[in-house]
Amino acid sequence: MGLAVAVAALLMPCLGAAAQDASLPQAHPDIPLVVDDGSAFDLGGVELPEAGDALTRYDFVGAGANVIADPSHSLAPFVRKVVSQLKAGDEVVRIVHVGDSHVRGHFFPGAVKGHLEQLLGADAVVRDYEVFDYGTPGISRETGWGGVVYQVYGINGATAQRFSDERHVDEIAALSPDLLIVSLGTNESVGAKYARMQHKNQLDQLMRMLAARCPSTPVLLTTPPGAYRRVRGRYQPNANVRLAAETIAGYAEEKGYAWWDLYNVAGGDRACVNWWDNGLMQRDHLHFTKEGYWLMGDLLYSAIVNLIKEYVEHGF
């Protein structure tokens, strides 16, 4: 596949490409997973907008619930920062979206960025570009004002293994994210055979490297949107994407990370058919149109707003 979450000197030498520790109890042991004081999420009269259901504009068969799963409440520090910004207006909320070409193309994270800037304020970054495309950077300069800083770190053809590099992880850590979104999995599933254990091990290595360099940063893992593969000259749904999505969601649940299951939001085994039938995929049956990526961004933004509302309403 062509193309928005390193230990560097601290990396333990025993962590190889297949590093795995099934006994790791949670993603970030230094972050309390249960928030005792529900008032920390009191909006103080500020009303969140209705996120809406972007899929109602299209005919997606079998679409799943557009929610972020966070059973360990690992995103509480991020939500607390967002709530503080909504109330006071002087916080800087930094989000770094890491991924493959779906992220590198900028339209997907660009939609999330635009919505969040409307919600949280757009003064936090210098307006050095207006439209995301392959010719513009995804890294913004900060102004010192409050608001959201939504950084994009995408690599064409990227996998978890590709990002497991000290240089990439150092650059991600240098952005000091309050939330790291990791959107990978499509490229792990493009071959004729899918290696589930290899994918899990490589994802685990990346997450350990990120946790070592960003120990207090909550992470949101996302599953791939769905894709076709070409077999004997004809396109057919790539069943490996479902396996990759299951690996990512299963890993997130096991390790205590939050996850957003875009694959099942888009219809699961019908996801790629839904994208294609609604005219939202490009002719390569792998990448998406601008409208398709904008829809992904609308969906992720809606899921984030609904998560914030869940924290505010229930306090955990």
C-alpha atoms as a PDB file:
ATOM      1  CA  MET A   1       0.000   0.000   0.000  1.00  0.00           C
ATOM      2  CA  GLY A   2       1.398   3.433  -0.899  1.00  0.00           C
ATOM      3  CA  LEU A   3       0.913   6.216   1.526  1.00  0.00           C
ATOM      4  CA  ALA A   4      -3.011  11.895  12.352  1.00  0.00           C
ATOM      5  CA  VAL A   5       0.179   7.819  18.844  1.00  0.00           C
ATOM      6  CA  ALA A   6      11.685   4.680  20.767  1.00  0.00           C
ATOM      7  CA  VAL A   7      13.044   4.096  23.674  1.00  0.00           C
ATOM      8  CA  ALA A   8      16.149   5.796  22.192  1.00  0.00           C
ATOM      9  CA  ALA A   9      18.933   5.393  24.722  1.00  0.00           C
ATOM     10  CA  LEU A  10      16.445   4.038  27.256  1.00  0.00           C
ATOM     11  CA  LEU A  11      15.375   1.092  25.092  1.00  0.00           C
ATOM     12  CA  MET A  12      16.081  -2.166  26.831  1.00  0.00           C
ATOM     13  CA  PRO A  13      18.400  -4.265  24.666  1.00  0.00           C
ATOM     14  CA  CYS A  14      16.244  -7.337  25.166  1.00  0.00           C
ATOM     15  CA  LEU A  15      13.351  -5.796  23.192  1.00  0.00           C
ATOM     16  CA  GLY A  16      13.657  -7.369  19.764  1.00  0.00           C
ATOM     17  CA  ALA A  17      11.298  -7.280  16.799  1.00  0.00           C
ATOM     18  CA  ALA A  18       9.163 -10.009  18.340  1.00  0.00           C
ATOM     19  CA  ALA A  19       9.122  -8.670  21.902  1.00  0.00           C
ATOM     20  CA  GLN A  20       6.020  -9.712  23.828  1.00  0.00           C
ATOM     21  CA  ASP A  21       5.085  -9.649  27.486  1.00  0.00           C
ATOM     22  CA  ALA A  22       1.659 -11.127  28.052  1.00  0.00           C
ATOM     23  CA  SER A  23       1.819 -10.256  31.750  1.00  0.00           C
ATOM     24  CA  LEU A  24       1.915  -6.483  31.250  1.00  0.00           C
ATOM     25  CA  PRO A  25      -1.057  -5.420  33.424  1.00  0.00           C
ATOM     26  CA  GLN A  26      -1.884  -2.092  31.780  1.00  0.00           C
ATOM     27  CA  ALA A  27      -0.565   0.355  29.229  1.00  0.00           C
ATOM     28  CA  HIS A  28       0.732   3.062  31.559  1.00  0.00           C
ATOM     29  CA  PRO A  29       1.043   1.952  35.199  1.00  0.00           C
ATOM     30  CA  ASP A  30       1.770   5.535  36.320  1.00  0.00           C
ATOM     31  CA  ILE A  31      -1.626   6.825  35.149  1.00  0.00           C
ATOM     32  CA  PRO A  32      -4.594   6.025  37.430  1.00  0.00           C
ATOM     33  CA  LEU A  33      -7.162   4.222  35.316  1.00  0.00           C
ATOM     34  CA  VAL A  34     -10.106   5.070  37.568  1.00  0.00           C
ATOM     35  CA  VAL A  35     -10.838   8.699  38.354  1.00  0.00           C
ATOM     36  CA  ASP A  36     -12.139   9.089  41.902  1.00  0.00           C
ATOM     37  CA  ASP A  37     -13.566  12.589  41.653  1.00  0.00           C
ATOM     38  CA  GLY A  38     -16.286  12.864  39.023  1.00  0.00           C
ATOM     39  CA  SER A  39     -16.254  16.652  39.410  1.00  0.00           C
ATOM     40  CA  ALA A  40     -13.016  16.676  37.422  1.00  0.00           C
ATOM     41  CA  PHE A  41     -15.243  16.280  34.370  1.00  0.00           C
ATOM     42  CA  ASP A  42     -17.753  19.000  35.313  1.00  0.00           C
ATOM     43  CA  LEU A  43     -18.152  21.297  32.314  1.00  0.00           C
ATOM     44  CA  GLY A  44     -19.394  24.127  34.505  1.00  0.00           C
ATOM     45  CA  GLY A  45     -22.328  24.998  32.258  1.00  0.00           C
ATOM     46  CA  VAL A  46     -20.463  24.629  28.964  1.00  0.00           C
ATOM     47  CA  GLU A  47     -22.531  22.567  26.542  1.00  0.00           C
ATOM     48  CA  LEU A  48     -20.967  20.100  24.145  1.00  0.00           C
ATOM     49  CA  PRO A  49     -22.360  20.108  20.604  1.00  0.00           C
ATOM     50  CA  GLU A  50     -24.355  17.227  19.253  1.00  0.00           C
ATOM     51  CA  ALA A  51     -21.867  15.047  17.415  1.00  0.00           C
ATOM     52  CA  GLY A  52     -24.466  13.814  14.930  1.00  0.00           C
ATOM     53  CA  ASP A  53     -24.382  10.643  12.862  1.00  0.00           C
ATOM     54  CA  ALA A  54     -22.339  11.232   9.720  1.00  0.00           C
ATOM     55  CA  LEU A  55     -23.279   7.819   8.310  1.00  0.00           C
ATOM     56  CA  THR A  56     -26.903   8.862   7.834  1.00  0.00           C
ATOM     57  CA  ARG A  57     -25.778  10.633   4.652  1.00  0.00           C
ATOM     58  CA  TYR A  58     -24.805   7.276   3.162  1.00  0.00           C
ATOM     59  CA  ASP A  59     -26.115   3.744   2.834  1.00  0.00           C
ATOM     60  CA  PHE A  60     -23.769   1.669   5.010  1.00  0.00           C
ATOM     61  CA  VAL A  61     -25.107  -1.853   5.547  1.00  0.00           C
ATOM     62  CA  GLY A  62     -24.283  -3.425   8.906  1.00  0.00           C
ATOM     63  CA  ALA A  63     -22.651  -0.309  10.357  1.00  0.00           C
ATOM     64  CA  GLY A  64     -21.632  -0.702  13.989  1.00  0.00           C
ATOM     65  CA  ALA A  65     -21.888   1.691  16.905  1.00  0.00           C
ATOM     66  CA  ASN A  66     -19.566   4.669  16.518  1.00  0.00           C
ATOM     67  CA  VAL A  67     -17.986   4.576  19.964  1.00  0.00           C
ATOM     68  CA  ILE A  68     -14.536   4.627  21.503  1.00  0.00           C
ATOM     69  CA  ALA A  69     -14.003   1.643  23.771  1.00  0.00           C
ATOM     70  CA  ASP A  70     -12.140   2.680  26.917  1.00  0.00           C
ATOM     71  CA  PRO A  71     -12.932   0.108  29.609  1.00  0.00           C
ATOM     72  CA  SER A  72      -9.771   0.988  31.572  1.00  0.00           C
ATOM     73  CA  HIS A  73     -10.607   4.723  31.503  1.00  0.00           C
ATOM     74  CA  SER A  74      -7.140   5.317  30.092  1.00  0.00           C
ATOM     75  CA  LEU A  75      -8.273   8.470  28.256  1.00  0.00           C
ATOM     76  CA  ALA A  76      -9.276  10.254  31.475  1.00  0.00           C
ATOM     77  CA  PRO A  77      -6.209  12.583  31.453  1.00  0.00           C
ATOM     78  CA  PHE A  78      -7.001  13.669  27.891  1.00  0.00           C
ATOM     79  CA  VAL A  79     -10.683  14.250  28.651  1.00  0.00           C
ATOM     80  CA  ARG A  80      -9.725  16.235  31.749  1.00  0.00           C
ATOM     81  CA  LYS A  81      -7.503  18.486  29.596  1.00  0.00           C
ATOM     82  CA  VAL A  82     -10.316  18.986  27.071  1.00  0.00           C
ATOM     83  CA  VAL A  83     -12.816  19.840  29.811  1.00  0.00           C
ATOM     84  CA  SER A  84     -10.370  22.339  31.300  1.00  0.00           C
ATOM     85  CA  GLN A  85      -9.975  24.022  27.911  1.00  0.00           C
ATOM     86  CA  LEU A  86     -13.732  24.158  27.371  1.00  0.00           C
ATOM     87  CA  LYS A  87     -14.178  25.849  30.751  1.00  0.00           C
ATOM     88  CA  ALA A  88     -11.186  28.204  30.879  1.00  0.00           C
ATOM     89  CA  GLY A  89     -10.069  28.573  27.270  1.00  0.00           C
ATOM     90  CA  ASP A  90      -6.372  28.840  28.125  1.00  0.00           C
ATOM     91  CA  GLU A  91      -5.245  25.209  27.841  1.00  0.00           C
ATOM     92  CA  VAL A  92      -3.277  23.788  24.917  1.00  0.00           C
ATOM     93  CA  VAL A  93      -4.602  20.353  23.937  1.00  0.00           C
ATOM     94  CA  ARG A  94      -2.020  18.530  21.836  1.00  0.00           C
ATOM     95  CA  ILE A  95      -3.042  15.583  19.679  1.00  0.00           C
ATOM     96  CA  VAL A  96      -0.649  13.622  17.459  1.00  0.00           C
ATOM     97  CA  HIS A  97      -2.182  11.344  14.822  1.00  0.00           C
ATOM     98  CA  VAL A  98       0.232   8.664  13.588  1.00  0.00           C
ATOM     99  CA  GLY A  99      -0.502   6.366  10.678  1.00  0.00           C
ATOM    100  CA  ASP A 100      -0.100   5.148   7.121  1.00  0.00           C
ATOM    101  CA  SER A 101      -1.275   6.714   3.857  1.00  0.00           C
ATOM    102  CA  HIS A 102      -4.819   7.104   5.190  1.00  0.00           C
ATOM    103  CA  VAL A 103      -3.316   9.565   7.674  1.00  0.00           C
ATOM    104  CA  ARG A 104      -0.527  10.878   5.429  1.00  0.00           C
ATOM    105  CA  GLY A 105      -3.098  12.094   2.916  1.00  0.00           C
ATOM    106  CA  HIS A 106      -4.265  14.510   5.646  1.00  0.00           C
ATOM    107  CA  PHE A 107      -7.971  14.592   4.691  1.00  0.00           C
ATOM    108  CA  PHE A 108      -8.937  12.087   7.420  1.00  0.00           C
ATOM    109  CA  PRO A 109      -7.037  13.789  10.272  1.00  0.00           C
ATOM    110  CA  GLY A 110      -7.715  17.179   8.700  1.00  0.00           C
ATOM    111  CA  ALA A 111     -11.452  16.704   9.218  1.00  0.00           C
ATOM    112  CA  VAL A 112     -10.922  15.798  12.883  1.00  0.00           C
ATOM    113  CA  LYS A 113      -8.588  18.777  13.278  1.00  0.00           C
ATOM    114  CA  GLY A 114     -11.117  21.188  11.788  1.00  0.00           C
ATOM    115  CA  HIS A 115     -13.945  20.006  14.018  1.00  0.00           C
ATOM    116  CA  LEU A 116     -11.802  20.094  17.161  1.00  0.00           C
ATOM    117  CA  GLU A 117     -10.548  23.576  16.335  1.00  0.00           C
ATOM    118  CA  GLN A 118     -14.152  24.740  16.218  1.00  0.00           C
ATOM    119  CA  LEU A 119     -14.816  23.051  19.545  1.00  0.00           C
ATOM    120  CA  LEU A 120     -11.616  23.882  21.433  1.00  0.00           C
ATOM    121  CA  GLY A 121     -10.233  26.909  19.634  1.00  0.00           C
ATOM    122  CA  ALA A 122      -7.925  27.389  16.674  1.00  0.00           C
ATOM    123  CA  ASP A 123      -5.542  30.007  18.073  1.00  0.00           C
ATOM    124  CA  ALA A 124      -3.015  27.489  19.375  1.00  0.00           C
ATOM    125  CA  VAL A 125      -1.254  27.017  16.018  1.00  0.00           C
ATOM    126  CA  VAL A 126       0.272  29.294  13.416  1.00  0.00           C
ATOM    127  CA  ARG A 127      -1.753  29.304  10.202  1.00  0.00           C
ATOM    128  CA  ASP A 128       1.096  28.341   7.898  1.00  0.00           C
ATOM    129  CA  TYR A 129      -1.121  26.258   5.652  1.00  0.00           C
ATOM    130  CA  GLU A 130      -4.846  26.097   5.018  1.00  0.00           C
ATOM    131  CA  VAL A 131      -5.480  22.799   3.266  1.00  0.00           C
ATOM    132  CA  PHE A 132      -3.937  19.438   4.043  1.00  0.00           C
ATOM    133  CA  ASP A 133      -2.529  17.596   1.048  1.00  0.00           C
ATOM    134  CA  TYR A 134       0.568  15.569   0.250  1.00  0.00           C
ATOM    135  CA  GLY A 135       2.516  18.745  -0.394  1.00  0.00           C
ATOM    136  CA  THR A 136       1.959  20.268   3.045  1.00  0.00           C
ATOM    137  CA  PRO A 137       3.422  19.303   6.408  1.00  0.00           C
ATOM    138  CA  GLY A 138       1.265  17.902   9.156  1.00  0.00           C
ATOM    139  CA  ILE A 139       3.327  19.500  11.910  1.00  0.00           C
ATOM    140  CA  SER A 140       2.212  22.957  13.065  1.00  0.00           C
ATOM    141  CA  ARG A 141       4.061  25.667  14.948  1.00  0.00           C
ATOM    142  CA  GLU A 142       2.433  26.714  18.211  1.00  0.00           C
ATOM    143  CA  THR A 143       1.470  30.261  19.105  1.00  0.00           C
ATOM    144  CA  GLY A 144       1.368  29.967  22.894  1.00  0.00           C
ATOM    145  CA  TRP A 145      -2.400  30.543  22.931  1.00  0.00           C
ATOM    146  CA  GLY A 146      -4.973  28.038  24.117  1.00  0.00           C
ATOM    147  CA  GLY A 147      -6.736  25.645  21.787  1.00  0.00           C
ATOM    148  CA  VAL A 148      -6.055  22.392  19.985  1.00  0.00           C
ATOM    149  CA  VAL A 149      -2.783  21.527  18.284  1.00  0.00           C
ATOM    150  CA  TYR A 150      -3.524  18.586  15.967  1.00  0.00           C
ATOM    151  CA  GLN A 151      -0.310  17.200  14.501  1.00  0.00           C
ATOM    152  CA  VAL A 152      -0.145  14.626  11.683  1.00  0.00           C
ATOM    153  CA  TYR A 153       2.686  12.113  11.380  1.00  0.00           C
ATOM    154  CA  GLY A 154       1.937   9.839   8.432  1.00  0.00           C
ATOM    155  CA  ILE A 155       4.195   7.583   6.372  1.00  0.00           C
ATOM    156  CA  ASN A 156       3.154   6.024   3.070  1.00  0.00           C
ATOM    157  CA  GLY A 157       3.114   2.234   3.303  1.00  0.00           C
ATOM    158  CA  ALA A 158       3.698   2.309   7.060  1.00  0.00           C
ATOM    159  CA  THR A 159       3.244  -0.594   9.448  1.00  0.00           C
ATOM    160  CA  ALA A 160       3.795  -0.800  13.198  1.00  0.00           C
ATOM    161  CA  GLN A 161       7.230  -2.208  12.457  1.00  0.00           C
ATOM    162  CA  ARG A 162       8.061   0.766  10.223  1.00  0.00           C
ATOM    163  CA  PHE A 163       7.262   3.186  13.047  1.00  0.00           C
ATOM    164  CA  SER A 164       9.308   1.158  15.559  1.00  0.00           C
ATOM    165  CA  ASP A 165      12.328   3.304  14.881  1.00  0.00           C
ATOM    166  CA  GLU A 166      14.043   5.567  17.398  1.00  0.00           C
ATOM    167  CA  ARG A 167      13.968   8.528  15.017  1.00  0.00           C
ATOM    168  CA  HIS A 168      10.203   8.322  14.448  1.00  0.00           C
ATOM    169  CA  VAL A 169       9.404   7.764  18.111  1.00  0.00           C
ATOM    170  CA  ASP A 170      11.697  10.590  19.209  1.00  0.00           C
ATOM    171  CA  GLU A 171       9.976  12.971  16.781  1.00  0.00           C
ATOM    172  CA  ILE A 172       6.553  11.907  18.037  1.00  0.00           C
ATOM    173  CA  ALA A 173       7.603  12.332  21.681  1.00  0.00           C
ATOM    174  CA  ALA A 174       9.045  15.790  20.939  1.00  0.00           C
ATOM    175  CA  LEU A 175       5.509  16.973  20.092  1.00  0.00           C
ATOM    176  CA  SER A 176       4.441  16.370  23.734  1.00  0.00           C
ATOM    177  CA  PRO A 177       1.017  14.921  22.892  1.00  0.00           C
ATOM    178  CA  ASP A 178      -1.877  14.881  25.351  1.00  0.00           C
ATOM    179  CA  LEU A 179      -3.391  12.192  23.126  1.00  0.00           C
ATOM    180  CA  LEU A 180      -1.654   9.912  20.654  1.00  0.00           C
ATOM    181  CA  ILE A 181      -3.861   8.372  17.944  1.00  0.00           C
ATOM    182  CA  VAL A 182      -2.301   5.392  16.138  1.00  0.00           C
ATOM    183  CA  SER A 183      -4.024   4.371  12.881  1.00  0.00           C
ATOM    184  CA  LEU A 184      -2.288   1.381  11.305  1.00  0.00           C
ATOM    185  CA  GLY A 185      -3.191  -2.134  10.154  1.00  0.00           C
ATOM    186  CA  THR A 186      -3.984  -1.806   6.451  1.00  0.00           C
ATOM    187  CA  ASN A 187      -0.460  -2.579   5.318  1.00  0.00           C
ATOM    188  CA  GLU A 188      -0.124  -5.488   7.731  1.00  0.00           C
ATOM    189  CA  SER A 189      -3.072  -7.099   5.934  1.00  0.00           C
ATOM    190  CA  VAL A 190      -2.180  -6.581   2.262  1.00  0.00           C
ATOM    191  CA  GLY A 191      -0.419  -9.905   1.651  1.00  0.00           C
ATOM    192  CA  ALA A 192      -2.016 -13.179   0.652  1.00  0.00           C
ATOM    193  CA  LYS A 193      -1.522 -14.459   4.195  1.00  0.00           C
ATOM    194  CA  TYR A 194      -1.904 -12.561   7.439  1.00  0.00           C
ATOM    195  CA  ALA A 195       0.521 -13.243  10.296  1.00  0.00           C
ATOM    196  CA  ARG A 196      -1.522 -12.438  13.402  1.00  0.00           C
ATOM    197  CA  MET A 197       1.193 -13.138  15.982  1.00  0.00           C
ATOM    198  CA  GLN A 198       3.799 -11.207  14.024  1.00  0.00           C
ATOM    199  CA  HIS A 199       1.441  -8.236  13.768  1.00  0.00           C
ATOM    200  CA  LYS A 200       0.706  -8.334  17.485  1.00  0.00           C
ATOM    201  CA  ASN A 201       4.385  -8.566  18.395  1.00  0.00           C
ATOM    202  CA  GLN A 202       5.296  -5.659  16.136  1.00  0.00           C
ATOM    203  CA  LEU A 203       2.442  -3.554  17.499  1.00  0.00           C
ATOM    204  CA  ASP A 204       3.546  -4.424  21.021  1.00  0.00           C
ATOM    205  CA  GLN A 205       7.101  -3.323  20.288  1.00  0.00           C
ATOM    206  CA  LEU A 206       5.898   0.020  18.905  1.00  0.00           C
ATOM    207  CA  MET A 207       3.601   0.646  21.863  1.00  0.00           C
ATOM    208  CA  ARG A 208       6.372  -0.164  24.334  1.00  0.00           C
ATOM    209  CA  MET A 209       8.699   2.254  22.597  1.00  0.00           C
ATOM    210  CA  LEU A 210       6.042   4.964  22.643  1.00  0.00           C
ATOM    211  CA  ALA A 211       5.199   4.269  26.293  1.00  0.00           C
ATOM    212  CA  ALA A 212       8.881   4.565  27.220  1.00  0.00           C
ATOM    213  CA  ARG A 213       9.216   7.959  25.503  1.00  0.00           C
ATOM    214  CA  CYS A 214       5.697   9.244  26.275  1.00  0.00           C
ATOM    215  CA  PRO A 215       4.959   7.595  29.643  1.00  0.00           C
ATOM    216  CA  SER A 216       2.048   9.877  30.552  1.00  0.00           C
ATOM    217  CA  THR A 217       0.389  10.050  27.143  1.00  0.00           C
ATOM    218  CA  PRO A 218      -2.956   8.270  26.649  1.00  0.00           C
ATOM    219  CA  VAL A 219      -3.181   6.317  23.402  1.00  0.00           C
ATOM    220  CA  LEU A 220      -6.138   5.659  21.127  1.00  0.00           C
ATOM    221  CA  LEU A 221      -5.656   2.761  18.716  1.00  0.00           C
ATOM    222  CA  THR A 222      -7.848   2.625  15.610  1.00  0.00           C
ATOM    223  CA  THR A 223      -8.572  -0.275  13.289  1.00  0.00           C
ATOM    224  CA  PRO A 224      -8.224  -0.038   9.482  1.00  0.00           C
ATOM    225  CA  PRO A 225     -11.244   1.043   7.410  1.00  0.00           C
ATOM    226  CA  GLY A 226     -11.420  -1.969   5.076  1.00  0.00           C
ATOM    227  CA  ALA A 227      -9.884  -2.754   1.690  1.00  0.00           C
ATOM    228  CA  TYR A 228     -10.066  -4.957  -1.382  1.00  0.00           C
ATOM    229  CA  ARG A 229      -7.302  -7.140  -2.778  1.00  0.00           C
ATOM    230  CA  ARG A 230      -6.719  -8.109  -6.389  1.00  0.00           C
ATOM    231  CA  VAL A 231      -6.974 -11.853  -7.063  1.00  0.00           C
ATOM    232  CA  ARG A 232      -6.514 -13.190 -10.591  1.00  0.00           C
ATOM    233  CA  GLY A 233      -7.286  -9.795 -12.048  1.00  0.00           C
ATOM    234  CA  ARG A 234     -10.433  -9.182 -10.002  1.00  0.00           C
ATOM    235  CA  TYR A 235     -11.008  -7.207  -6.821  1.00  0.00           C
ATOM    236  CA  GLN A 236     -12.486  -8.963  -3.825  1.00  0.00           C
ATOM    237  CA  PRO A 237     -12.859  -7.922  -0.167  1.00  0.00           C
ATOM    238  CA  ASN A 238      -9.649  -8.496   1.743  1.00  0.00           C
ATOM    239  CA  ALA A 239     -10.600 -10.751   4.654  1.00  0.00           C
ATOM    240  CA  ASN A 240      -7.209 -10.113   6.243  1.00  0.00           C
ATOM    241  CA  VAL A 241      -8.359  -6.631   7.257  1.00  0.00           C
ATOM    242  CA  ARG A 242     -10.872  -8.169   9.649  1.00  0.00           C
ATOM    243  CA  LEU A 243      -8.094 -10.244  11.216  1.00  0.00           C
ATOM    244  CA  ALA A 244      -5.874  -7.170  11.564  1.00  0.00           C
ATOM    245  CA  ALA A 245      -8.742  -5.228  13.139  1.00  0.00           C
ATOM    246  CA  GLU A 246      -9.346  -8.055  15.607  1.00  0.00           C
ATOM    247  CA  THR A 247      -5.656  -8.102  16.507  1.00  0.00           C
ATOM    248  CA  ILE A 248      -5.570  -4.360  17.164  1.00  0.00           C
ATOM    249  CA  ALA A 249      -8.785  -4.315  19.210  1.00  0.00           C
ATOM    250  CA  GLY A 250      -7.776  -7.429  21.130  1.00  0.00           C
ATOM    251  CA  TYR A 251      -4.344  -6.023  21.884  1.00  0.00           C
ATOM    252  CA  ALA A 252      -5.838  -2.731  23.071  1.00  0.00           C
ATOM    253  CA  GLU A 253      -8.246  -4.501  25.404  1.00  0.00           C
ATOM    254  CA  GLU A 254      -5.509  -6.772  26.749  1.00  0.00           C
ATOM    255  CA  LYS A 255      -3.072  -3.959  27.472  1.00  0.00           C
ATOM    256  CA  GLY A 256      -5.502  -1.329  28.712  1.00  0.00           C
ATOM    257  CA  TYR A 257      -5.488   1.030  25.740  1.00  0.00           C
ATOM    258  CA  ALA A 258      -8.586   2.674  24.291  1.00  0.00           C
ATOM    259  CA  TRP A 259      -9.591   1.761  20.739  1.00  0.00           C
ATOM    260  CA  TRP A 260     -11.909   2.937  17.985  1.00  0.00           C
ATOM    261  CA  ASP A 261     -13.023   0.097  15.712  1.00  0.00           C
ATOM    262  CA  LEU A 262     -13.455   1.899  12.392  1.00  0.00           C
ATOM    263  CA  TYR A 263     -13.616  -1.433  10.568  1.00  0.00           C
ATOM    264  CA  ASN A 264     -16.810  -2.441  12.339  1.00  0.00           C
ATOM    265  CA  VAL A 265     -18.203   1.092  12.435  1.00  0.00           C
ATOM    266  CA  ALA A 266     -18.048   0.949   8.625  1.00  0.00           C
ATOM    267  CA  GLY A 267     -19.810  -2.396   8.433  1.00  0.00           C
ATOM    268  CA  GLY A 268     -17.280  -5.079   9.342  1.00  0.00           C
ATOM    269  CA  ASP A 269     -17.010  -7.654   6.571  1.00  0.00           C
ATOM    270  CA  ARG A 270     -19.078  -5.315   4.395  1.00  0.00           C
ATOM    271  CA  ALA A 271     -16.904  -2.291   5.146  1.00  0.00           C
ATOM    272  CA  CYS A 272     -15.039  -2.130   1.839  1.00  0.00           C
ATOM    273  CA  VAL A 273     -18.257  -2.833  -0.077  1.00  0.00           C
ATOM    274  CA  ASN A 274     -19.982   0.011   1.780  1.00  0.00           C
ATOM    275  CA  TRP A 275     -17.168   2.427   1.005  1.00  0.00           C
ATOM    276  CA  TRP A 276     -17.098   1.398  -2.666  1.00  0.00           C
ATOM    277  CA  ASP A 277     -20.867   1.317  -3.231  1.00  0.00           C
ATOM    278  CA  ASN A 278     -21.160   4.831  -1.822  1.00  0.00           C
ATOM    279  CA  GLY A 279     -18.480   6.136  -4.169  1.00  0.00           C
ATOM    280  CA  LEU A 280     -16.015   6.810  -1.354  1.00  0.00           C
ATOM    281  CA  MET A 281     -13.073   4.665  -2.533  1.00  0.00           C
ATOM    282  CA  GLN A 282     -10.543   5.395  -5.229  1.00  0.00           C
ATOM    283  CA  ARG A 283     -10.123   3.140  -8.246  1.00  0.00           C
ATOM    284  CA  ASP A 284      -7.265   1.244  -6.609  1.00  0.00           C
ATOM    285  CA  HIS A 285      -9.869  -0.145  -4.157  1.00  0.00           C
ATOM    286  CA  LEU A 286      -7.445   0.605  -1.325  1.00  0.00           C
ATOM    287  CA  HIS A 287      -7.397   4.357  -0.802  1.00  0.00           C
ATOM    288  CA  PHE A 288     -10.372   6.668  -0.402  1.00  0.00           C
ATOM    289  CA  THR A 289     -11.757   9.796  -1.994  1.00  0.00           C
ATOM    290  CA  LYS A 290     -11.594  13.110  -0.153  1.00  0.00           C
ATOM    291  CA  GLU A 291     -15.230  12.603   0.801  1.00  0.00           C
ATOM    292  CA  GLY A 292     -14.403   9.144   2.145  1.00  0.00           C
ATOM    293  CA  TYR A 293     -11.587  10.444   4.307  1.00  0.00           C
ATOM    294  CA  TRP A 294     -13.697  13.379   5.457  1.00  0.00           C
ATOM    295  CA  LEU A 295     -16.358  10.901   6.541  1.00  0.00           C
ATOM    296  CA  MET A 296     -13.762   8.982   8.574  1.00  0.00           C
ATOM    297  CA  GLY A 297     -12.800  12.258  10.228  1.00  0.00           C
ATOM    298  CA  ASP A 298     -16.421  13.128  10.958  1.00  0.00           C
ATOM    299  CA  LEU A 299     -16.905   9.729  12.534  1.00  0.00           C
ATOM    300  CA  LEU A 300     -13.787   9.935  14.706  1.00  0.00           C
ATOM    301  CA  TYR A 301     -14.681  13.430  15.880  1.00  0.00           C
ATOM    302  CA  SER A 302     -18.192  12.268  16.779  1.00  0.00           C
ATOM    303  CA  ALA A 303     -16.765   9.333  18.710  1.00  0.00           C
ATOM    304  CA  ILE A 304     -14.429  11.665  20.645  1.00  0.00           C
ATOM    305  CA  VAL A 305     -17.274  14.055  21.540  1.00  0.00           C
ATOM    306  CA  ASN A 306     -19.465  11.167  22.665  1.00  0.00           C
ATOM    307  CA  LEU A 307     -16.608   9.844  24.818  1.00  0.00           C
ATOM    308  CA  ILE A 308     -16.219  13.239  26.491  1.00  0.00           C
ATOM    309  CA  LYS A 309     -19.958  13.318  27.175  1.00  0.00           C
ATOM    310  CA  GLU A 310     -19.732   9.835  28.686  1.00  0.00           C
ATOM    311  CA  TYR A 311     -17.012  10.970  31.084  1.00  0.00           C
ATOM    312  CA  VAL A 312     -18.898  14.154  31.989  1.00  0.00           C
ATOM    313  CA  GLU A 313     -22.172  12.304  32.604  1.00  0.00           C
ATOM    314  CA  HIS A 314     -20.784   9.357  34.552  1.00  0.00           C
ATOM    315  CA  GLY A 315     -17.521  10.670  36.012  1.00  0.00           C
ATOM    316  CA  PHE A 316     -16.106   7.159  36.247  1.00  0.00           C
END
